[in-house]
Amino acid sequence: MAGRPAATLRPEGIVQVRVPLPFSLKWVNSYLLRDDRGYTLIDPGLHTAEAEASWEAVMAEHGVAFADIHTIVLTHQHPDHYGLAGWFQQRSGAPVRMSAEAYAYAQRLWGADGGAAFKAELTALYARHGMPAEALATLGPHLDSFVAKVAPQPAVTFLEAGETVRMGGETWLAIDAPGHAGGQLVFYAPSRKWMLCGDQVLPTITPNVSVVPGEDDRQLERFLGSLRELARYDVELAFPGHREPFDRFAERAAELAAHHERRLAEIVGLLREEPRTGYALCMRLFGERIAGDAHHLRFAMSETLAHVFHLEHGGRIGKRGGEGEGSYTYFA
């Protein structure tokens, strides 16, 4: 976050807090929305010592005590948004609100079995699509590394799409925003034309759209449908999970949809050249950027499969193999 302040008080009265991340994204946005009771905290960030220290400095600078935080709201369950929720809850006593679907996924990853079933399912999924054994072996330790970064687990009160919630003195509508994360909610304040958009629409980067084992395999279809729905809202200012608040919300949603259409066409072109496994496509699309990096490999592989499954459902590509015949191979 070199050159950027840890927090910015926006003219709209919302405090944007840039919580540091040990990844290439560098930081995740959290937001403090003030009202006459104190603050609603949105997406507190990943639990690391650096993040704790950053939060303590920001709260001291802006005169915010833990007791001032009366509600914690999570747009979705990814660890860079969810991880500090329990830590804040212990210190503030505030309820943590998120969707039931998002919480169920968090429990699959970090619940009673420590994510053992999820790790086995993910490894099996990637193996069916051609990932070699040496890469598969990195997945378990990678997933295990997040356990401490989401501890302690919060007690959750469910918030569902269609509900309205008071935050920062405004009434916000919770909107289902699938594709990037099952159960993700974004929040729209019609009186101000503001959108708290989580990771669904980002201003300068493309949100990851991933296949998740045990869930619907139409994640890209759901994501594109969500973009079309969200583009219908009259938004003057959007507050994203990453990068800076932005306008041109509907235009950005259309740009993201166009990006995925180009990626789909690229995959069809590669499969016209020769049949390939999902892993071979992943390496061709993302290549050296993810070599030896389990974190980025998982995102890249799951996003590749989301596109492949979308093309298969649409009848644009076919597959052979699998079910005891080795990895699936796709062809156009």
C-alpha atoms as a PDB file:
ATOM      1  CA  MET A   1       0.000   0.000   0.000  1.00  0.00           C
ATOM      2  CA  ALA A   2       2.992   2.245  -0.540  1.00  0.00           C
ATOM      3  CA  GLY A   3       1.896   5.833  -1.046  1.00  0.00           C
ATOM      4  CA  ARG A   4      -1.687   5.209   0.053  1.00  0.00           C
ATOM      5  CA  PRO A   5      -3.144   6.101   3.448  1.00  0.00           C
ATOM      6  CA  ALA A   6      -4.438   3.234   5.573  1.00  0.00           C
ATOM      7  CA  ALA A   7      -7.846   4.914   5.682  1.00  0.00           C
ATOM      8  CA  THR A   8      -9.680   7.650   3.815  1.00  0.00           C
ATOM      9  CA  LEU A   9     -12.674   9.585   5.096  1.00  0.00           C
ATOM     10  CA  ARG A  10     -14.803   9.915   2.000  1.00  0.00           C
ATOM     11  CA  PRO A  11     -16.859  13.103   1.466  1.00  0.00           C
ATOM     12  CA  GLU A  12     -19.894  10.844   1.754  1.00  0.00           C
ATOM     13  CA  GLY A  13     -19.006  10.229   5.433  1.00  0.00           C
ATOM     14  CA  ILE A  14     -17.885   6.642   4.878  1.00  0.00           C
ATOM     15  CA  VAL A  15     -14.435   5.625   6.125  1.00  0.00           C
ATOM     16  CA  GLN A  16     -12.668   3.417   3.567  1.00  0.00           C
ATOM     17  CA  VAL A  17     -10.099   1.261   5.383  1.00  0.00           C
ATOM     18  CA  ARG A  18      -7.411  -0.451   3.307  1.00  0.00           C
ATOM     19  CA  VAL A  19      -6.634  -3.636   5.253  1.00  0.00           C
ATOM     20  CA  PRO A  20      -3.274  -5.152   4.206  1.00  0.00           C
ATOM     21  CA  LEU A  21      -3.120  -8.569   2.534  1.00  0.00           C
ATOM     22  CA  PRO A  22      -0.109 -10.877   2.066  1.00  0.00           C
ATOM     23  CA  PHE A  23      -1.137 -11.432  -1.577  1.00  0.00           C
ATOM     24  CA  SER A  24      -0.647  -9.651  -4.880  1.00  0.00           C
ATOM     25  CA  LEU A  25      -3.886  -7.699  -4.306  1.00  0.00           C
ATOM     26  CA  LYS A  26      -2.038  -5.857  -1.468  1.00  0.00           C
ATOM     27  CA  TRP A  27      -5.192  -4.776   0.388  1.00  0.00           C
ATOM     28  CA  VAL A  28      -8.916  -5.337   0.779  1.00  0.00           C
ATOM     29  CA  ASN A  29     -11.378  -2.538   1.401  1.00  0.00           C
ATOM     30  CA  SER A  30     -13.334  -2.434   4.617  1.00  0.00           C
ATOM     31  CA  TYR A  31     -15.845   0.309   5.294  1.00  0.00           C
ATOM     32  CA  LEU A  32     -17.026   2.023   8.462  1.00  0.00           C
ATOM     33  CA  LEU A  33     -20.505   3.541   8.176  1.00  0.00           C
ATOM     34  CA  ARG A  34     -21.422   5.881  11.024  1.00  0.00           C
ATOM     35  CA  ASP A  35     -24.855   6.523  12.503  1.00  0.00           C
ATOM     36  CA  ASP A  36     -26.222   7.808  15.806  1.00  0.00           C
ATOM     37  CA  ARG A  37     -25.497   4.436  17.474  1.00  0.00           C
ATOM     38  CA  GLY A  38     -21.886   4.129  16.309  1.00  0.00           C
ATOM     39  CA  TYR A  39     -20.604   2.169  13.324  1.00  0.00           C
ATOM     40  CA  THR A  40     -21.465  -0.660  10.981  1.00  0.00           C
ATOM     41  CA  LEU A  41     -18.289  -2.447   9.880  1.00  0.00           C
ATOM     42  CA  ILE A  42     -18.259  -3.994   6.389  1.00  0.00           C
ATOM     43  CA  ASP A  43     -15.806  -6.832   5.542  1.00  0.00           C
ATOM     44  CA  PRO A  44     -13.075  -6.391   8.186  1.00  0.00           C
ATOM     45  CA  GLY A  45     -10.325  -8.253   6.277  1.00  0.00           C
ATOM     46  CA  LEU A  46      -7.947 -11.186   6.702  1.00  0.00           C
ATOM     47  CA  HIS A  47      -6.708 -12.012  10.209  1.00  0.00           C
ATOM     48  CA  THR A  48      -2.986 -11.303  10.301  1.00  0.00           C
ATOM     49  CA  ALA A  49      -0.812  -9.460  12.800  1.00  0.00           C
ATOM     50  CA  GLU A  50      -0.261  -6.722  10.226  1.00  0.00           C
ATOM     51  CA  ALA A  51      -4.003  -6.305   9.745  1.00  0.00           C
ATOM     52  CA  GLU A  52      -4.589  -6.105  13.511  1.00  0.00           C
ATOM     53  CA  ALA A  53      -1.955  -3.395  13.839  1.00  0.00           C
ATOM     54  CA  SER A  54      -3.358  -1.496  10.862  1.00  0.00           C
ATOM     55  CA  TRP A  55      -6.870  -1.561  12.311  1.00  0.00           C
ATOM     56  CA  GLU A  56      -5.716  -0.411  15.742  1.00  0.00           C
ATOM     57  CA  ALA A  57      -3.892   2.538  14.150  1.00  0.00           C
ATOM     58  CA  VAL A  58      -6.874   3.487  11.981  1.00  0.00           C
ATOM     59  CA  MET A  59      -9.317   3.289  14.881  1.00  0.00           C
ATOM     60  CA  ALA A  60      -7.080   5.460  17.048  1.00  0.00           C
ATOM     61  CA  GLU A  61      -6.698   8.024  14.254  1.00  0.00           C
ATOM     62  CA  HIS A  62     -10.450   8.246  13.636  1.00  0.00           C
ATOM     63  CA  GLY A  63     -11.520   8.013  17.288  1.00  0.00           C
ATOM     64  CA  VAL A  64     -13.323   4.686  16.911  1.00  0.00           C
ATOM     65  CA  ALA A  65     -13.461   2.299  19.879  1.00  0.00           C
ATOM     66  CA  PHE A  66     -14.351  -1.373  19.570  1.00  0.00           C
ATOM     67  CA  ALA A  67     -17.465  -0.664  21.638  1.00  0.00           C
ATOM     68  CA  ASP A  68     -18.574   1.830  18.960  1.00  0.00           C
ATOM     69  CA  ILE A  69     -19.001  -0.976  16.414  1.00  0.00           C
ATOM     70  CA  HIS A  70     -22.594  -2.198  16.764  1.00  0.00           C
ATOM     71  CA  THR A  71     -22.904  -4.401  13.633  1.00  0.00           C
ATOM     72  CA  ILE A  72     -20.512  -6.342  11.407  1.00  0.00           C
ATOM     73  CA  VAL A  73     -21.736  -7.139   7.887  1.00  0.00           C
ATOM     74  CA  LEU A  74     -19.962  -9.513   5.500  1.00  0.00           C
ATOM     75  CA  THR A  75     -20.620  -9.350   1.779  1.00  0.00           C
ATOM     76  CA  HIS A  76     -19.223 -12.870   1.370  1.00  0.00           C
ATOM     77  CA  GLN A  77     -17.157 -15.628   2.928  1.00  0.00           C
ATOM     78  CA  HIS A  78     -13.781 -15.357   1.209  1.00  0.00           C
ATOM     79  CA  PRO A  79     -11.071 -15.160   3.877  1.00  0.00           C
ATOM     80  CA  ASP A  80      -9.835 -11.690   2.901  1.00  0.00           C
ATOM     81  CA  HIS A  81     -13.317 -10.377   3.798  1.00  0.00           C
ATOM     82  CA  TYR A  82     -14.376 -12.825   6.537  1.00  0.00           C
ATOM     83  CA  GLY A  83     -11.152 -13.474   8.436  1.00  0.00           C
ATOM     84  CA  LEU A  84     -11.259 -10.757  11.119  1.00  0.00           C
ATOM     85  CA  ALA A  85     -14.997 -11.015  11.798  1.00  0.00           C
ATOM     86  CA  GLY A  86     -14.605 -13.186  14.890  1.00  0.00           C
ATOM     87  CA  TRP A  87     -11.731 -11.062  16.197  1.00  0.00           C
ATOM     88  CA  PHE A  88     -13.876  -7.927  15.950  1.00  0.00           C
ATOM     89  CA  GLN A  89     -16.887  -9.704  17.408  1.00  0.00           C
ATOM     90  CA  GLN A  90     -14.908 -10.751  20.497  1.00  0.00           C
ATOM     91  CA  ARG A  91     -13.826  -7.160  21.098  1.00  0.00           C
ATOM     92  CA  SER A  92     -17.030  -5.328  20.223  1.00  0.00           C
ATOM     93  CA  GLY A  93     -19.788  -7.805  21.074  1.00  0.00           C
ATOM     94  CA  ALA A  94     -21.385  -6.897  17.724  1.00  0.00           C
ATOM     95  CA  PRO A  95     -23.465  -9.402  15.755  1.00  0.00           C
ATOM     96  CA  VAL A  96     -21.938 -10.669  12.522  1.00  0.00           C
ATOM     97  CA  ARG A  97     -24.399 -10.776   9.623  1.00  0.00           C
ATOM     98  CA  MET A  98     -23.978 -12.685   6.354  1.00  0.00           C
ATOM     99  CA  SER A  99     -26.057 -14.964   4.167  1.00  0.00           C
ATOM    100  CA  ALA A 100     -26.778 -18.556   5.190  1.00  0.00           C
ATOM    101  CA  GLU A 101     -25.277 -19.835   1.925  1.00  0.00           C
ATOM    102  CA  ALA A 102     -22.038 -17.917   2.460  1.00  0.00           C
ATOM    103  CA  TYR A 103     -21.770 -19.159   6.048  1.00  0.00           C
ATOM    104  CA  ALA A 104     -22.343 -22.766   4.978  1.00  0.00           C
ATOM    105  CA  TYR A 105     -19.417 -22.495   2.577  1.00  0.00           C
ATOM    106  CA  ALA A 106     -17.211 -21.038   5.319  1.00  0.00           C
ATOM    107  CA  GLN A 107     -18.059 -24.036   7.489  1.00  0.00           C
ATOM    108  CA  ARG A 108     -17.122 -26.424   4.676  1.00  0.00           C
ATOM    109  CA  LEU A 109     -13.707 -24.783   4.563  1.00  0.00           C
ATOM    110  CA  TRP A 110     -13.004 -24.149   8.247  1.00  0.00           C
ATOM    111  CA  GLY A 111     -15.685 -25.968  10.220  1.00  0.00           C
ATOM    112  CA  ALA A 112     -15.716 -29.083  12.383  1.00  0.00           C
ATOM    113  CA  ASP A 113     -13.659 -31.287  10.034  1.00  0.00           C
ATOM    114  CA  GLY A 114     -11.069 -28.589   9.380  1.00  0.00           C
ATOM    115  CA  GLY A 115     -11.965 -28.583   5.700  1.00  0.00           C
ATOM    116  CA  ALA A 116     -10.857 -32.185   5.147  1.00  0.00           C
ATOM    117  CA  ALA A 117     -13.848 -33.105   2.953  1.00  0.00           C
ATOM    118  CA  PHE A 118     -13.516 -29.941   0.894  1.00  0.00           C
ATOM    119  CA  LYS A 119      -9.805 -30.532   0.299  1.00  0.00           C
ATOM    120  CA  ALA A 120     -10.515 -34.083  -0.889  1.00  0.00           C
ATOM    121  CA  GLU A 121     -13.287 -32.888  -3.223  1.00  0.00           C
ATOM    122  CA  LEU A 122     -11.174 -30.086  -4.691  1.00  0.00           C
ATOM    123  CA  THR A 123      -8.196 -32.391  -5.252  1.00  0.00           C
ATOM    124  CA  ALA A 124     -10.430 -34.941  -6.960  1.00  0.00           C
ATOM    125  CA  LEU A 125     -11.997 -32.259  -9.180  1.00  0.00           C
ATOM    126  CA  TYR A 126      -8.638 -30.948 -10.346  1.00  0.00           C
ATOM    127  CA  ALA A 127      -7.287 -34.480 -10.874  1.00  0.00           C
ATOM    128  CA  ARG A 128     -10.242 -35.291 -13.174  1.00  0.00           C
ATOM    129  CA  HIS A 129      -9.259 -32.296 -15.258  1.00  0.00           C
ATOM    130  CA  GLY A 130      -5.593 -33.097 -15.687  1.00  0.00           C
ATOM    131  CA  MET A 131      -3.714 -31.428 -12.845  1.00  0.00           C
ATOM    132  CA  PRO A 132      -0.491 -33.379 -12.176  1.00  0.00           C
ATOM    133  CA  ALA A 133       0.227 -35.000  -8.822  1.00  0.00           C
ATOM    134  CA  GLU A 134       2.958 -32.560  -7.798  1.00  0.00           C
ATOM    135  CA  ALA A 135       0.571 -29.613  -8.180  1.00  0.00           C
ATOM    136  CA  LEU A 136      -2.267 -31.477  -6.451  1.00  0.00           C
ATOM    137  CA  ALA A 137       0.003 -32.087  -3.460  1.00  0.00           C
ATOM    138  CA  THR A 138       0.259 -28.340  -2.802  1.00  0.00           C
ATOM    139  CA  LEU A 139      -3.486 -27.816  -2.365  1.00  0.00           C
ATOM    140  CA  GLY A 140      -3.919 -29.237   1.137  1.00  0.00           C
ATOM    141  CA  PRO A 141      -1.144 -27.193   2.782  1.00  0.00           C
ATOM    142  CA  HIS A 142      -2.320 -24.112   0.926  1.00  0.00           C
ATOM    143  CA  LEU A 143      -5.901 -24.454   2.193  1.00  0.00           C
ATOM    144  CA  ASP A 144      -4.691 -25.293   5.703  1.00  0.00           C
ATOM    145  CA  SER A 145      -2.699 -22.050   5.781  1.00  0.00           C
ATOM    146  CA  PHE A 146      -5.945 -20.054   5.987  1.00  0.00           C
ATOM    147  CA  VAL A 147      -7.242 -21.646   9.178  1.00  0.00           C
ATOM    148  CA  ALA A 148      -5.384 -19.241  11.465  1.00  0.00           C
ATOM    149  CA  LYS A 149      -6.290 -16.318   9.198  1.00  0.00           C
ATOM    150  CA  VAL A 150     -10.027 -16.788   9.808  1.00  0.00           C
ATOM    151  CA  ALA A 151      -9.851 -17.581  13.532  1.00  0.00           C
ATOM    152  CA  PRO A 152     -11.682 -17.143  15.777  1.00  0.00           C
ATOM    153  CA  GLN A 153     -14.851 -18.079  13.928  1.00  0.00           C
ATOM    154  CA  PRO A 154     -17.741 -15.635  14.446  1.00  0.00           C
ATOM    155  CA  ALA A 155     -21.238 -16.432  15.652  1.00  0.00           C
ATOM    156  CA  VAL A 156     -23.427 -15.462  12.716  1.00  0.00           C
ATOM    157  CA  THR A 157     -26.900 -13.985  12.298  1.00  0.00           C
ATOM    158  CA  PHE A 158     -28.244 -14.618   8.815  1.00  0.00           C
ATOM    159  CA  LEU A 159     -29.071 -11.832   6.387  1.00  0.00           C
ATOM    160  CA  GLU A 160     -30.689 -12.757   3.089  1.00  0.00           C
ATOM    161  CA  ALA A 161     -31.259 -11.192  -0.307  1.00  0.00           C
ATOM    162  CA  GLY A 162     -34.361  -9.015  -0.421  1.00  0.00           C
ATOM    163  CA  GLU A 163     -33.976  -7.778   3.152  1.00  0.00           C
ATOM    164  CA  THR A 164     -33.304  -4.159   3.941  1.00  0.00           C
ATOM    165  CA  VAL A 165     -30.775  -3.132   6.552  1.00  0.00           C
ATOM    166  CA  ARG A 166     -29.986   0.222   8.155  1.00  0.00           C
ATOM    167  CA  MET A 167     -26.327   1.178   7.828  1.00  0.00           C
ATOM    168  CA  GLY A 168     -24.796   4.616   8.197  1.00  0.00           C
ATOM    169  CA  GLY A 169     -28.203   6.238   8.562  1.00  0.00           C
ATOM    170  CA  GLU A 170     -29.353   4.883   5.178  1.00  0.00           C
ATOM    171  CA  THR A 171     -31.617   2.012   4.184  1.00  0.00           C
ATOM    172  CA  TRP A 172     -29.816  -0.536   2.014  1.00  0.00           C
ATOM    173  CA  LEU A 173     -31.315  -3.362  -0.025  1.00  0.00           C
ATOM    174  CA  ALA A 174     -29.427  -6.681   0.124  1.00  0.00           C
ATOM    175  CA  ILE A 175     -29.092  -8.133  -3.391  1.00  0.00           C
ATOM    176  CA  ASP A 176     -28.012 -11.680  -4.285  1.00  0.00           C
ATOM    177  CA  ALA A 177     -24.787 -11.512  -6.321  1.00  0.00           C
ATOM    178  CA  PRO A 178     -23.670 -15.049  -7.286  1.00  0.00           C
ATOM    179  CA  GLY A 179     -20.766 -16.218  -9.426  1.00  0.00           C
ATOM    180  CA  HIS A 180     -17.762 -14.862  -7.560  1.00  0.00           C
ATOM    181  CA  ALA A 181     -18.937 -16.362  -4.269  1.00  0.00           C
ATOM    182  CA  GLY A 182     -22.072 -18.334  -3.546  1.00  0.00           C
ATOM    183  CA  GLY A 183     -24.284 -16.353  -1.213  1.00  0.00           C
ATOM    184  CA  GLN A 184     -22.490 -13.051  -1.801  1.00  0.00           C
ATOM    185  CA  LEU A 185     -24.654 -10.023  -1.030  1.00  0.00           C
ATOM    186  CA  VAL A 186     -24.211  -6.528  -2.372  1.00  0.00           C
ATOM    187  CA  PHE A 187     -26.054  -3.557  -0.880  1.00  0.00           C
ATOM    188  CA  TYR A 188     -27.821  -0.691  -2.624  1.00  0.00           C
ATOM    189  CA  ALA A 189     -28.904   2.586  -1.010  1.00  0.00           C
ATOM    190  CA  PRO A 190     -31.502   4.047  -3.411  1.00  0.00           C
ATOM    191  CA  SER A 191     -31.728   7.411  -1.640  1.00  0.00           C
ATOM    192  CA  ARG A 192     -28.022   8.033  -2.290  1.00  0.00           C
ATOM    193  CA  LYS A 193     -27.557   5.821  -5.370  1.00  0.00           C
ATOM    194  CA  TRP A 194     -24.677   4.027  -3.673  1.00  0.00           C
ATOM    195  CA  MET A 195     -23.681   0.386  -4.126  1.00  0.00           C
ATOM    196  CA  LEU A 196     -21.532  -1.585  -1.685  1.00  0.00           C
ATOM    197  CA  CYS A 197     -20.543  -4.116  -4.313  1.00  0.00           C
ATOM    198  CA  GLY A 198     -18.196  -6.546  -2.557  1.00  0.00           C
ATOM    199  CA  ASP A 199     -16.120  -8.333  -5.183  1.00  0.00           C
ATOM    200  CA  GLN A 200     -18.873  -8.603  -7.797  1.00  0.00           C
ATOM    201  CA  VAL A 201     -17.962  -5.487  -9.771  1.00  0.00           C
ATOM    202  CA  LEU A 202     -14.406  -4.199  -9.405  1.00  0.00           C
ATOM    203  CA  PRO A 203     -13.159  -1.050 -11.126  1.00  0.00           C
ATOM    204  CA  THR A 204      -9.797  -2.088 -12.584  1.00  0.00           C
ATOM    205  CA  ILE A 205      -9.467  -5.862 -12.114  1.00  0.00           C
ATOM    206  CA  THR A 206     -11.725  -8.789 -12.980  1.00  0.00           C
ATOM    207  CA  PRO A 207     -13.343 -10.705 -10.116  1.00  0.00           C
ATOM    208  CA  ASN A 208     -12.482 -14.385  -9.965  1.00  0.00           C
ATOM    209  CA  VAL A 209     -15.319 -16.683 -11.064  1.00  0.00           C
ATOM    210  CA  SER A 210     -14.652 -20.192  -9.788  1.00  0.00           C
ATOM    211  CA  VAL A 211     -16.146 -23.637  -9.896  1.00  0.00           C
ATOM    212  CA  VAL A 212     -16.523 -24.950  -6.341  1.00  0.00           C
ATOM    213  CA  PRO A 213     -16.825 -28.714  -5.757  1.00  0.00           C
ATOM    214  CA  GLY A 214     -20.202 -29.754  -4.449  1.00  0.00           C
ATOM    215  CA  GLU A 215     -21.933 -26.653  -5.835  1.00  0.00           C
ATOM    216  CA  ASP A 216     -23.676 -25.748  -9.078  1.00  0.00           C
ATOM    217  CA  ASP A 217     -21.246 -25.808 -12.021  1.00  0.00           C
ATOM    218  CA  ARG A 218     -22.942 -22.874 -13.758  1.00  0.00           C
ATOM    219  CA  GLN A 219     -21.022 -20.205 -11.869  1.00  0.00           C
ATOM    220  CA  LEU A 220     -20.109 -18.147 -14.935  1.00  0.00           C
ATOM    221  CA  GLU A 221     -23.707 -18.189 -16.162  1.00  0.00           C
ATOM    222  CA  ARG A 222     -24.839 -16.961 -12.752  1.00  0.00           C
ATOM    223  CA  PHE A 223     -22.145 -14.280 -12.664  1.00  0.00           C
ATOM    224  CA  LEU A 224     -23.063 -12.917 -16.098  1.00  0.00           C
ATOM    225  CA  GLY A 225     -26.743 -12.891 -15.127  1.00  0.00           C
ATOM    226  CA  SER A 226     -25.891 -11.002 -11.944  1.00  0.00           C
ATOM    227  CA  LEU A 227     -23.953  -8.386 -13.918  1.00  0.00           C
ATOM    228  CA  ARG A 228     -26.985  -7.799 -16.131  1.00  0.00           C
ATOM    229  CA  GLU A 229     -29.231  -7.421 -13.093  1.00  0.00           C
ATOM    230  CA  LEU A 230     -26.874  -5.082 -11.228  1.00  0.00           C
ATOM    231  CA  ALA A 231     -26.394  -2.869 -14.302  1.00  0.00           C
ATOM    232  CA  ARG A 232     -30.083  -1.917 -14.060  1.00  0.00           C
ATOM    233  CA  TYR A 233     -29.558  -0.097 -10.742  1.00  0.00           C
ATOM    234  CA  ASP A 234     -28.989   3.651 -10.880  1.00  0.00           C
ATOM    235  CA  VAL A 235     -25.574   3.897  -9.210  1.00  0.00           C
ATOM    236  CA  GLU A 236     -23.653   7.141  -8.830  1.00  0.00           C
ATOM    237  CA  LEU A 237     -20.910   5.750  -6.587  1.00  0.00           C
ATOM    238  CA  ALA A 238     -19.815   2.155  -5.980  1.00  0.00           C
ATOM    239  CA  PHE A 239     -17.718   1.011  -3.023  1.00  0.00           C
ATOM    240  CA  PRO A 240     -15.809  -2.144  -4.088  1.00  0.00           C
ATOM    241  CA  GLY A 241     -13.936  -4.787  -2.123  1.00  0.00           C
ATOM    242  CA  HIS A 242     -10.698  -3.980  -3.960  1.00  0.00           C
ATOM    243  CA  ARG A 243      -9.255  -0.806  -5.487  1.00  0.00           C
ATOM    244  CA  GLU A 244     -10.955   2.580  -5.133  1.00  0.00           C
ATOM    245  CA  PRO A 245     -14.604   3.699  -5.122  1.00  0.00           C
ATOM    246  CA  PHE A 246     -15.793   4.433  -8.669  1.00  0.00           C
ATOM    247  CA  ASP A 247     -18.610   5.667 -10.867  1.00  0.00           C
ATOM    248  CA  ARG A 248     -19.561   4.207 -14.301  1.00  0.00           C
ATOM    249  CA  PHE A 249     -20.970   1.183 -12.486  1.00  0.00           C
ATOM    250  CA  ALA A 250     -23.197  -0.116 -15.290  1.00  0.00           C
ATOM    251  CA  GLU A 251     -20.474   0.462 -17.856  1.00  0.00           C
ATOM    252  CA  ARG A 252     -17.986  -1.463 -15.735  1.00  0.00           C
ATOM    253  CA  ALA A 253     -20.425  -4.379 -15.387  1.00  0.00           C
ATOM    254  CA  ALA A 254     -20.702  -4.478 -19.193  1.00  0.00           C
ATOM    255  CA  GLU A 255     -16.903  -4.399 -19.540  1.00  0.00           C
ATOM    256  CA  LEU A 256     -16.587  -7.388 -17.204  1.00  0.00           C
ATOM    257  CA  ALA A 257     -19.168  -9.345 -19.205  1.00  0.00           C
ATOM    258  CA  ALA A 258     -17.289  -8.539 -22.426  1.00  0.00           C
ATOM    259  CA  HIS A 259     -14.041  -9.746 -20.841  1.00  0.00           C
ATOM    260  CA  HIS A 260     -15.572 -13.152 -20.162  1.00  0.00           C
ATOM    261  CA  GLU A 261     -17.003 -13.394 -23.669  1.00  0.00           C
ATOM    262  CA  ARG A 262     -13.500 -12.807 -25.043  1.00  0.00           C
ATOM    263  CA  ARG A 263     -12.104 -15.455 -22.716  1.00  0.00           C
ATOM    264  CA  LEU A 264     -14.749 -17.961 -23.843  1.00  0.00           C
ATOM    265  CA  ALA A 265     -13.894 -17.291 -27.493  1.00  0.00           C
ATOM    266  CA  GLU A 266     -10.193 -17.705 -26.702  1.00  0.00           C
ATOM    267  CA  ILE A 267     -10.801 -21.122 -25.147  1.00  0.00           C
ATOM    268  CA  VAL A 268     -12.843 -22.269 -28.149  1.00  0.00           C
ATOM    269  CA  GLY A 269      -9.975 -21.147 -30.385  1.00  0.00           C
ATOM    270  CA  LEU A 270      -7.437 -23.105 -28.338  1.00  0.00           C
ATOM    271  CA  LEU A 271      -9.602 -26.225 -28.505  1.00  0.00           C
ATOM    272  CA  ARG A 272      -9.925 -25.865 -32.262  1.00  0.00           C
ATOM    273  CA  GLU A 273      -6.139 -26.079 -32.415  1.00  0.00           C
ATOM    274  CA  GLU A 274      -6.109 -29.322 -30.424  1.00  0.00           C
ATOM    275  CA  PRO A 275      -8.033 -31.095 -27.633  1.00  0.00           C
ATOM    276  CA  ARG A 276      -6.798 -30.151 -24.168  1.00  0.00           C
ATOM    277  CA  THR A 277      -7.497 -30.931 -20.528  1.00  0.00           C
ATOM    278  CA  GLY A 278      -8.749 -28.236 -18.210  1.00  0.00           C
ATOM    279  CA  TYR A 279      -5.288 -28.029 -16.657  1.00  0.00           C
ATOM    280  CA  ALA A 280      -3.604 -27.649 -20.051  1.00  0.00           C
ATOM    281  CA  LEU A 281      -6.006 -24.824 -20.866  1.00  0.00           C
ATOM    282  CA  CYS A 282      -5.261 -23.212 -17.498  1.00  0.00           C
ATOM    283  CA  MET A 283      -1.531 -23.283 -18.175  1.00  0.00           C
ATOM    284  CA  ARG A 284      -2.017 -21.838 -21.650  1.00  0.00           C
ATOM    285  CA  LEU A 285      -4.255 -19.050 -20.364  1.00  0.00           C
ATOM    286  CA  PHE A 286      -2.332 -18.112 -17.207  1.00  0.00           C
ATOM    287  CA  GLY A 287       1.108 -19.683 -17.734  1.00  0.00           C
ATOM    288  CA  GLU A 288       4.146 -18.482 -15.878  1.00  0.00           C
ATOM    289  CA  ARG A 289       2.155 -16.049 -13.728  1.00  0.00           C
ATOM    290  CA  ILE A 290       0.985 -18.932 -11.557  1.00  0.00           C
ATOM    291  CA  ALA A 291       3.949 -21.318 -11.738  1.00  0.00           C
ATOM    292  CA  GLY A 292       4.708 -22.745  -8.293  1.00  0.00           C
ATOM    293  CA  ASP A 293       2.050 -20.584  -6.584  1.00  0.00           C
ATOM    294  CA  ALA A 294      -0.748 -22.705  -5.094  1.00  0.00           C
ATOM    295  CA  HIS A 295      -2.843 -19.638  -4.252  1.00  0.00           C
ATOM    296  CA  HIS A 296      -2.981 -18.319  -7.804  1.00  0.00           C
ATOM    297  CA  LEU A 297      -3.078 -21.811  -9.317  1.00  0.00           C
ATOM    298  CA  ARG A 298      -6.300 -22.599  -7.440  1.00  0.00           C
ATOM    299  CA  PHE A 299      -7.973 -19.409  -8.634  1.00  0.00           C
ATOM    300  CA  ALA A 300      -6.769 -19.916 -12.198  1.00  0.00           C
ATOM    301  CA  MET A 301      -7.793 -23.579 -12.380  1.00  0.00           C
ATOM    302  CA  SER A 302     -11.251 -23.008 -10.924  1.00  0.00           C
ATOM    303  CA  GLU A 303     -11.835 -20.027 -13.219  1.00  0.00           C
ATOM    304  CA  THR A 304     -10.711 -22.020 -16.261  1.00  0.00           C
ATOM    305  CA  LEU A 305     -13.156 -24.774 -15.349  1.00  0.00           C
ATOM    306  CA  ALA A 306     -15.966 -22.244 -14.887  1.00  0.00           C
ATOM    307  CA  HIS A 307     -15.451 -21.145 -18.499  1.00  0.00           C
ATOM    308  CA  VAL A 308     -15.070 -24.694 -19.806  1.00  0.00           C
ATOM    309  CA  PHE A 309     -18.271 -25.828 -18.090  1.00  0.00           C
ATOM    310  CA  HIS A 310     -20.115 -22.782 -19.445  1.00  0.00           C
ATOM    311  CA  LEU A 311     -19.027 -23.650 -22.983  1.00  0.00           C
ATOM    312  CA  GLU A 312     -19.958 -27.299 -22.496  1.00  0.00           C
ATOM    313  CA  HIS A 313     -23.435 -26.430 -21.192  1.00  0.00           C
ATOM    314  CA  GLY A 314     -23.905 -24.163 -24.212  1.00  0.00           C
ATOM    315  CA  GLY A 315     -22.955 -26.944 -26.620  1.00  0.00           C
ATOM    316  CA  ARG A 316     -19.931 -25.072 -27.970  1.00  0.00           C
ATOM    317  CA  ILE A 317     -17.410 -27.719 -26.880  1.00  0.00           C
ATOM    318  CA  GLY A 318     -17.488 -31.419 -25.986  1.00  0.00           C
ATOM    319  CA  LYS A 319     -15.398 -33.732 -23.823  1.00  0.00           C
ATOM    320  CA  ARG A 320     -14.134 -37.266 -23.769  1.00  0.00           C
ATOM    321  CA  GLY A 321     -12.451 -39.486 -21.201  1.00  0.00           C
ATOM    322  CA  GLY A 322     -12.967 -39.412 -17.449  1.00  0.00           C
ATOM    323  CA  GLU A 323     -14.734 -42.085 -15.408  1.00  0.00           C
ATOM    324  CA  GLY A 324     -11.778 -44.470 -15.331  1.00  0.00           C
ATOM    325  CA  GLU A 325     -10.404 -43.364 -18.707  1.00  0.00           C
ATOM    326  CA  GLY A 326      -8.016 -40.740 -17.398  1.00  0.00           C
ATOM    327  CA  SER A 327      -8.569 -36.991 -17.325  1.00  0.00           C
ATOM    328  CA  TYR A 328     -11.318 -35.316 -19.255  1.00  0.00           C
ATOM    329  CA  THR A 329     -10.190 -33.844 -22.562  1.00  0.00           C
ATOM    330  CA  TYR A 330     -12.164 -31.059 -24.204  1.00  0.00           C
ATOM    331  CA  PHE A 331     -12.522 -30.394 -27.918  1.00  0.00           C
ATOM    332  CA  ALA A 332     -14.312 -27.910 -30.157  1.00  0.00           C
END
